[in-house]
Amino acid sequence: MHNHTLLRINNISVVYSDVIQVLKGVSLQVKEHQIVSLLGSNGAGKTTTLKAISGLLKPENGKVTDGTIMYGGKTIQNSAPEDITRQGIIQVLEGRQPFKYLTIEENLRVGTATRWGTPYKKDMDLIYDYFPSLITRKKSLAGYCSGGELQMLVIGRALLAHPSLLLLDEPSLGLAPLVVKEIFKIIRRINEEQGTTIVIVEQNANIALQIAHYGYVMENGKIVMEGRADELKNNPDIREFYLGMGASGAAKSYRNVKSYKRRKRWL
């Protein structure tokens, strides 16, 4: 792979309200046209890492206090979110907030608002090509759509901004396994066909590693492991703690996993 590094996070620390340290020296890199998954349990610092990249720490009184975030050769840490967006970094927030009283189609058109005067019909056709289930829901109010449809809507809306780096926060959250499978298949297609570089924060390590090229595992605000997705998938620790499998391949019972903190080899 001779892809250039598009994003380089170098040893960053993030502090909220000047007191609470959430990230403690996080370094990672994302190569152009790659899908990178950021894995880890709840509260590990995955979402904070995304917000550090997209500038969304600011509204929450958080800031990068140490280290740098380089994007396309420029430092962007602590820049205003709108400046970062203008450089092609688009974050899809967890929680899928559409405009409830607009239809699906109107919600998508909001996504084209950043590019006045550009022909957006081609773009809309592309979105419906990726998310055919939105076609039948075009005229439905977003407030009445299912979680899966809303996830497709917010990813579609992000794509309309023609991102060079797309940040997805927990796209699988609260969705049925079949819907998750479908959405991840589409994410992979977008990466392959549009060349979009994608970073996915995900607790569902299994599905995230199926489509990622590379992965990082976070615990307590640090990166504790990284590697090619296929290596991580076969790593016994990952299998045990994140894929819920014992070495034998059998699913672990929660009782056994509870004690894993004491046994984690890499800490």
Protein backbone atom coordinates (compact mmCIF):
# COMPACT_ATOMS: atom_id res chain seq x y z
CA MET A 1 0.00 0.00 0.00
CA HIS A 2 1.61 3.25 -1.08
CA ASN A 3 -1.28 5.43 0.05
CA HIS A 4 -0.28 8.73 1.57
CA THR A 5 -1.13 9.39 5.17
CA LEU A 6 -4.13 11.70 5.13
CA LEU A 7 -4.53 12.10 8.89
CA ARG A 8 -1.84 11.83 11.53
CA ILE A 9 -2.68 12.17 15.21
CA ASN A 10 0.51 12.62 17.16
CA ASN A 11 0.48 12.00 20.90
CA ILE A 12 -2.60 14.07 21.72
CA SER A 13 -4.09 14.66 25.13
CA VAL A 14 -7.61 15.96 25.53
CA VAL A 15 -8.91 17.69 28.62
CA TYR A 16 -12.50 18.73 29.34
CA SER A 17 -13.27 21.85 31.41
CA ASP A 18 -9.54 22.19 32.24
CA VAL A 19 -9.73 19.25 34.65
CA ILE A 20 -10.91 15.94 33.25
CA GLN A 21 -8.32 14.21 31.10
CA VAL A 22 -9.94 11.87 28.61
CA LEU A 23 -7.15 11.14 26.11
CA LYS A 24 -3.63 10.48 27.31
CA GLY A 25 -1.13 10.53 24.48
CA VAL A 26 -3.10 9.05 21.59
CA SER A 27 -1.29 8.53 18.27
CA LEU A 28 -2.79 7.05 15.13
CA GLN A 29 -2.67 7.48 11.40
CA VAL A 30 -5.17 7.08 8.63
CA LYS A 31 -4.00 6.50 5.08
CA GLU A 32 -5.84 7.82 2.09
CA HIS A 33 -8.71 5.62 0.82
CA GLN A 34 -8.57 3.39 3.90
CA ILE A 35 -11.29 2.39 6.32
CA VAL A 36 -9.90 2.55 9.86
CA SER A 37 -11.86 1.22 12.83
CA LEU A 38 -11.48 2.58 16.32
CA LEU A 39 -12.55 -0.12 18.77
CA GLY A 40 -12.93 -0.29 22.51
CA SER A 41 -15.48 -0.43 25.25
CA ASN A 42 -17.72 2.40 26.37
CA GLY A 43 -15.80 5.37 27.76
CA ALA A 44 -12.49 4.32 26.22
CA GLY A 45 -12.13 7.68 24.45
CA LYS A 46 -13.18 6.70 20.92
CA THR A 47 -15.80 9.42 20.44
CA THR A 48 -13.51 12.03 22.01
CA THR A 49 -10.87 11.11 19.43
CA LEU A 50 -13.36 11.72 16.60
CA LYS A 51 -14.44 15.04 18.09
CA ALA A 52 -10.81 16.10 18.42
CA ILE A 53 -10.45 15.54 14.67
CA SER A 54 -13.68 17.28 13.64
CA GLY A 55 -13.39 20.23 16.04
CA LEU A 56 -16.48 19.24 17.99
CA LEU A 57 -14.68 19.27 21.36
CA LYS A 58 -15.02 23.03 21.41
CA PRO A 59 -18.77 23.25 22.02
CA GLU A 60 -18.29 20.79 24.90
CA ASN A 61 -15.54 22.74 26.60
CA GLY A 62 -12.92 20.19 25.60
CA LYS A 63 -9.57 20.87 23.98
CA VAL A 64 -6.42 19.22 22.72
CA THR A 65 -3.83 20.27 25.31
CA ASP A 66 -0.85 18.34 23.93
CA GLY A 67 0.25 16.87 20.64
CA THR A 68 -0.86 17.61 17.10
CA ILE A 69 -3.45 16.54 14.54
CA MET A 70 -2.12 16.81 10.99
CA TYR A 71 -4.54 16.62 8.08
CA GLY A 72 -3.18 16.78 4.57
CA GLY A 73 0.01 18.29 5.99
CA LYS A 74 -1.70 21.06 8.04
CA THR A 75 -2.20 21.13 11.80
CA ILE A 76 -5.91 21.31 12.62
CA GLN A 77 -6.17 20.64 16.36
CA ASN A 78 -8.50 23.08 18.14
CA SER A 79 -9.57 24.73 14.86
CA ALA A 80 -13.18 25.84 14.55
CA PRO A 81 -15.49 23.02 13.40
CA GLU A 82 -16.59 24.98 10.33
CA ASP A 83 -12.96 25.43 9.19
CA ILE A 84 -12.40 21.70 9.56
CA THR A 85 -15.60 20.89 7.65
CA ARG A 86 -14.44 23.18 4.87
CA GLN A 87 -11.35 21.00 4.49
CA GLY A 88 -13.54 18.01 3.71
CA ILE A 89 -13.75 16.35 7.15
CA ILE A 90 -17.36 15.43 7.86
CA GLN A 91 -18.50 13.74 11.07
CA VAL A 92 -21.73 11.79 11.36
CA LEU A 93 -22.69 12.05 15.01
CA GLU A 94 -23.99 9.18 17.05
CA GLY A 95 -27.69 9.65 17.71
CA ARG A 96 -28.79 10.26 14.10
CA GLN A 97 -30.38 13.68 14.47
CA PRO A 98 -32.48 14.46 11.41
CA PHE A 99 -34.85 17.37 11.03
CA LYS A 100 -37.94 15.53 12.23
CA TYR A 101 -40.47 17.69 10.42
CA LEU A 102 -38.78 17.50 7.04
CA THR A 103 -39.16 14.59 4.67
CA ILE A 104 -36.24 12.28 3.90
CA GLU A 105 -35.72 14.08 0.58
CA GLU A 106 -35.75 17.52 2.23
CA ASN A 107 -33.31 16.30 4.87
CA LEU A 108 -30.95 15.17 2.12
CA ARG A 109 -31.24 18.48 0.32
CA VAL A 110 -30.01 20.20 3.47
CA GLY A 111 -26.80 18.25 2.83
CA THR A 112 -26.32 19.98 -0.51
CA ALA A 113 -26.77 23.43 1.01
CA THR A 114 -23.03 23.82 1.46
CA ARG A 115 -22.57 23.84 -2.30
CA TRP A 116 -24.86 26.42 -3.87
CA GLY A 117 -25.40 26.21 -7.55
CA THR A 118 -23.84 22.79 -8.06
CA PRO A 119 -26.06 20.31 -9.87
CA TYR A 120 -27.32 18.18 -7.05
CA LYS A 121 -29.57 15.83 -9.00
CA LYS A 122 -26.57 13.64 -9.82
CA ASP A 123 -25.67 13.58 -6.14
CA MET A 124 -29.18 12.68 -5.06
CA ASP A 125 -29.27 9.85 -7.59
CA LEU A 126 -26.01 8.55 -6.15
CA ILE A 127 -27.41 8.58 -2.60
CA TYR A 128 -30.54 6.69 -3.70
CA ASP A 129 -28.31 4.24 -5.53
CA TYR A 130 -26.43 3.49 -2.29
CA PHE A 131 -29.54 3.56 -0.11
CA PRO A 132 -32.41 2.22 -2.24
CA SER A 133 -34.62 1.81 0.83
CA LEU A 134 -34.72 5.62 1.11
CA ILE A 135 -36.39 5.90 -2.31
CA THR A 136 -39.72 4.58 -1.08
CA ARG A 137 -39.47 6.84 1.99
CA LYS A 138 -38.60 10.04 0.07
CA LYS A 139 -41.80 11.82 1.02
CA SER A 140 -42.03 10.45 4.59
CA LEU A 141 -41.30 12.72 7.51
CA ALA A 142 -37.98 11.78 9.09
CA GLY A 143 -39.66 11.66 12.49
CA TYR A 144 -41.57 8.55 11.39
CA CYS A 145 -38.65 6.61 9.94
CA SER A 146 -36.90 3.60 11.48
CA GLY A 147 -33.47 3.77 13.11
CA GLY A 148 -31.91 2.05 10.11
CA GLU A 149 -33.47 4.50 7.66
CA LEU A 150 -32.27 7.42 9.76
CA GLN A 151 -28.73 6.03 9.86
CA MET A 152 -28.81 5.75 6.07
CA LEU A 153 -30.17 9.29 5.87
CA VAL A 154 -27.41 10.85 7.97
CA ILE A 155 -24.67 8.98 6.11
CA GLY A 156 -26.29 9.98 2.81
CA ARG A 157 -26.46 13.58 3.93
CA ALA A 158 -22.78 13.52 4.87
CA LEU A 159 -21.86 12.09 1.46
CA LEU A 160 -23.53 15.02 -0.26
CA ALA A 161 -20.81 17.24 1.18
CA HIS A 162 -18.27 15.18 -0.83
CA PRO A 163 -16.10 14.38 2.21
CA SER A 164 -12.48 13.41 1.76
CA LEU A 165 -12.56 12.08 5.34
CA LEU A 166 -15.80 10.67 6.74
CA LEU A 167 -16.04 10.09 10.50
CA LEU A 168 -18.76 7.69 11.63
CA ASP A 169 -19.65 7.39 15.31
CA GLU A 170 -21.23 4.04 16.27
CA PRO A 171 -23.27 3.49 13.10
CA SER A 172 -24.52 0.15 14.46
CA LEU A 173 -25.94 1.52 17.71
CA GLY A 174 -29.38 0.14 18.52
CA LEU A 175 -29.95 -1.38 15.08
CA ALA A 176 -30.99 -4.93 14.23
CA PRO A 177 -28.11 -7.18 13.05
CA LEU A 178 -29.46 -7.45 9.48
CA VAL A 179 -29.74 -3.69 9.12
CA VAL A 180 -26.22 -3.26 10.53
CA LYS A 181 -24.91 -5.74 7.98
CA GLU A 182 -26.58 -3.85 5.15
CA ILE A 183 -25.29 -0.46 6.31
CA PHE A 184 -21.72 -1.72 6.69
CA LYS A 185 -21.86 -3.28 3.23
CA ILE A 186 -22.84 0.14 1.87
CA ILE A 187 -20.05 1.85 3.83
CA ARG A 188 -17.55 -0.50 2.22
CA ARG A 189 -19.02 0.20 -1.22
CA ILE A 190 -18.73 3.95 -0.68
CA ASN A 191 -15.08 3.48 0.25
CA GLU A 192 -14.38 1.30 -2.78
CA GLU A 193 -16.29 3.35 -5.36
CA GLN A 194 -15.81 6.92 -4.12
CA GLY A 195 -12.38 6.42 -2.59
CA THR A 196 -13.65 8.11 0.57
CA THR A 197 -11.35 7.70 3.57
CA ILE A 198 -13.43 6.56 6.54
CA VAL A 199 -12.86 6.33 10.28
CA ILE A 200 -15.46 4.29 12.16
CA VAL A 201 -15.87 4.32 15.92
CA GLU A 202 -17.61 1.09 16.80
CA GLN A 203 -18.30 -1.15 19.78
CA ASN A 204 -19.34 -3.95 17.44
CA ALA A 205 -15.76 -5.03 16.75
CA ASN A 206 -16.85 -8.00 14.72
CA ILE A 207 -18.58 -6.08 11.97
CA ALA A 208 -16.12 -3.17 12.09
CA LEU A 209 -13.15 -5.47 11.45
CA GLN A 210 -14.96 -7.13 8.56
CA ILE A 211 -14.85 -3.94 6.48
CA ALA A 212 -11.83 -2.08 7.90
CA HIS A 213 -8.31 -2.19 6.49
CA TYR A 214 -6.73 -1.25 9.80
CA GLY A 215 -7.84 -1.03 13.41
CA TYR A 216 -6.92 0.56 16.72
CA VAL A 217 -8.11 -0.61 20.13
CA MET A 218 -8.59 1.99 22.87
CA GLU A 219 -8.80 1.53 26.61
CA ASN A 220 -8.95 4.34 29.18
CA GLY A 221 -7.89 7.08 26.78
CA LYS A 222 -4.92 5.23 25.30
CA ILE A 223 -4.32 3.07 22.25
CA VAL A 224 -3.48 -0.39 23.57
CA MET A 225 -3.28 -2.31 20.33
CA GLU A 226 -3.26 -1.71 16.59
CA GLY A 227 -2.87 -3.70 13.43
CA ARG A 228 -4.28 -4.75 10.10
CA ALA A 229 -7.91 -5.72 10.47
CA ASP A 230 -7.27 -9.36 9.58
CA GLU A 231 -4.51 -9.61 12.22
CA LEU A 232 -6.73 -8.10 14.88
CA LYS A 233 -9.60 -10.41 13.96
CA ASN A 234 -7.41 -13.41 14.68
CA ASN A 235 -5.71 -11.99 17.75
CA PRO A 236 -6.66 -14.13 20.79
CA ASP A 237 -7.11 -11.11 23.07
CA ILE A 238 -9.37 -9.35 20.61
CA ARG A 239 -11.32 -12.53 20.02
CA GLU A 240 -11.80 -12.97 23.72
CA PHE A 241 -12.56 -9.44 24.85
CA TYR A 242 -14.21 -7.83 21.84
CA LEU A 243 -15.57 -10.64 19.72
CA GLY A 244 -16.81 -12.59 22.74
CA MET A 245 -15.05 -15.78 21.71
CA GLY A 246 -12.78 -17.98 23.75
CA ALA A 247 -9.66 -19.45 22.21
CA SER A 248 -11.77 -22.44 21.23
CA GLY A 249 -14.08 -20.20 19.21
CA ALA A 250 -16.96 -20.76 21.64
CA ALA A 251 -18.88 -17.75 22.88
CA LYS A 252 -17.77 -16.66 26.35
CA SER A 253 -20.16 -16.37 29.21
CA TYR A 254 -20.28 -12.93 30.76
CA ARG A 255 -19.16 -14.33 34.13
CA ASN A 256 -15.80 -15.36 32.69
CA VAL A 257 -15.30 -12.14 30.79
CA LYS A 258 -15.91 -10.04 33.90
CA SER A 259 -12.52 -10.90 35.26
CA TYR A 260 -10.75 -10.01 32.02
CA LYS A 261 -9.50 -6.67 33.35
CA ARG A 262 -7.22 -8.58 35.70
CA ARG A 263 -5.85 -10.78 32.97
CA LYS A 264 -5.45 -8.45 30.07
CA ARG A 265 -2.04 -9.27 28.69
CA TRP A 266 -1.33 -5.99 27.02
CA LEU A 267 -1.83 -3.61 29.97
